[in-house]
Amino acid sequence: MWLLIFADDPADRGRLEAELEGTPAEAVDEMIEQSCWTQDVPDFVGGKGTAQQRLIGLRAAYLANNRPLGNG
């Protein structure tokens, strides 16, 4: 699911959407509302913010807690 959340290339995003049967916005909402990431992005719990704000917020929280994807 994180690959979909971090996918910026339209082709990659489209392939991942087909494989995972969902969109980046749906993946972000699921992570924010139904996982431990709720505590890292409390301003977006309950559907608060726009889809773009929620995506940026979750990405920032992930990067603050983990090394970037693809870097070893």
Protein backbone atom coordinates (compact mmCIF):
# COMPACT_ATOMS: atom_id res chain seq x y z
CA MET A 1 0.00 0.00 0.00
CA TRP A 2 2.90 2.37 0.71
CA LEU A 3 4.10 2.02 -2.88
CA LEU A 4 0.71 3.29 -4.05
CA ILE A 5 0.80 6.16 -1.56
CA PHE A 6 4.27 7.20 -2.76
CA ALA A 7 3.70 6.55 -6.48
CA ASP A 8 4.19 9.80 -8.41
CA ASP A 9 4.64 8.35 -11.89
CA PRO A 10 1.23 8.01 -13.57
CA ALA A 11 2.13 4.66 -15.16
CA ASP A 12 3.30 3.21 -11.85
CA ARG A 13 0.26 4.59 -10.07
CA GLY A 14 -2.09 3.10 -12.67
CA ARG A 15 -0.43 -0.32 -12.42
CA LEU A 16 -0.58 -0.26 -8.62
CA GLU A 17 -4.21 0.90 -8.62
CA ALA A 18 -5.10 -2.09 -10.81
CA GLU A 19 -3.11 -4.54 -8.67
CA LEU A 20 -4.38 -3.23 -5.34
CA GLU A 21 -7.87 -2.37 -6.60
CA GLY A 22 -7.81 1.09 -5.06
CA THR A 23 -6.60 4.64 -5.44
CA PRO A 24 -3.91 6.54 -3.56
CA ALA A 25 -6.62 8.54 -1.79
CA GLU A 26 -8.32 5.33 -0.62
CA ALA A 27 -4.99 3.93 0.57
CA VAL A 28 -4.23 7.12 2.49
CA ASP A 29 -7.67 7.13 4.10
CA GLU A 30 -7.31 3.50 5.15
CA MET A 31 -3.88 4.11 6.66
CA ILE A 32 -5.02 7.23 8.50
CA GLU A 33 -8.28 5.82 9.80
CA GLN A 34 -7.48 2.16 10.44
CA SER A 35 -3.84 1.83 11.47
CA CYS A 36 -1.24 3.01 13.92
CA TRP A 37 -0.63 6.05 11.70
CA THR A 38 -3.70 7.70 13.23
CA GLN A 39 -1.52 9.01 16.06
CA ASP A 40 1.00 10.51 13.62
CA VAL A 41 -1.53 12.54 11.62
CA PRO A 42 -4.26 13.49 14.12
CA ASP A 43 -5.20 16.60 12.13
CA PHE A 44 -6.48 14.35 9.32
CA VAL A 45 -8.39 11.72 11.33
CA GLY A 46 -12.09 11.64 10.59
CA GLY A 47 -11.72 12.71 6.98
CA LYS A 48 -10.37 16.15 7.82
CA GLY A 49 -8.45 17.99 5.13
CA THR A 50 -8.42 17.55 1.40
CA ALA A 51 -7.24 14.34 -0.24
CA GLN A 52 -4.00 16.11 -1.22
CA GLN A 53 -3.41 17.43 2.31
CA ARG A 54 -4.00 13.96 3.74
CA LEU A 55 -1.58 12.41 1.22
CA ILE A 56 1.13 14.97 1.96
CA GLY A 57 0.59 14.65 5.71
CA LEU A 58 0.83 10.87 5.70
CA ARG A 59 3.88 10.88 3.43
CA ALA A 60 5.60 13.38 5.75
CA ALA A 61 4.75 11.29 8.81
CA TYR A 62 6.09 8.16 7.14
CA LEU A 63 9.33 9.84 6.10
CA ALA A 64 9.79 11.29 9.58
CA ASN A 65 9.57 7.77 11.03
CA ASN A 66 11.31 5.73 8.31
CA ARG A 67 14.02 5.98 5.74
CA PRO A 68 12.73 6.79 2.25
CA LEU A 69 11.52 3.89 0.10
CA GLY A 70 14.11 2.48 -2.28
CA ASN A 71 17.15 3.63 -0.31
CA GLY A 72 18.39 0.26 0.86
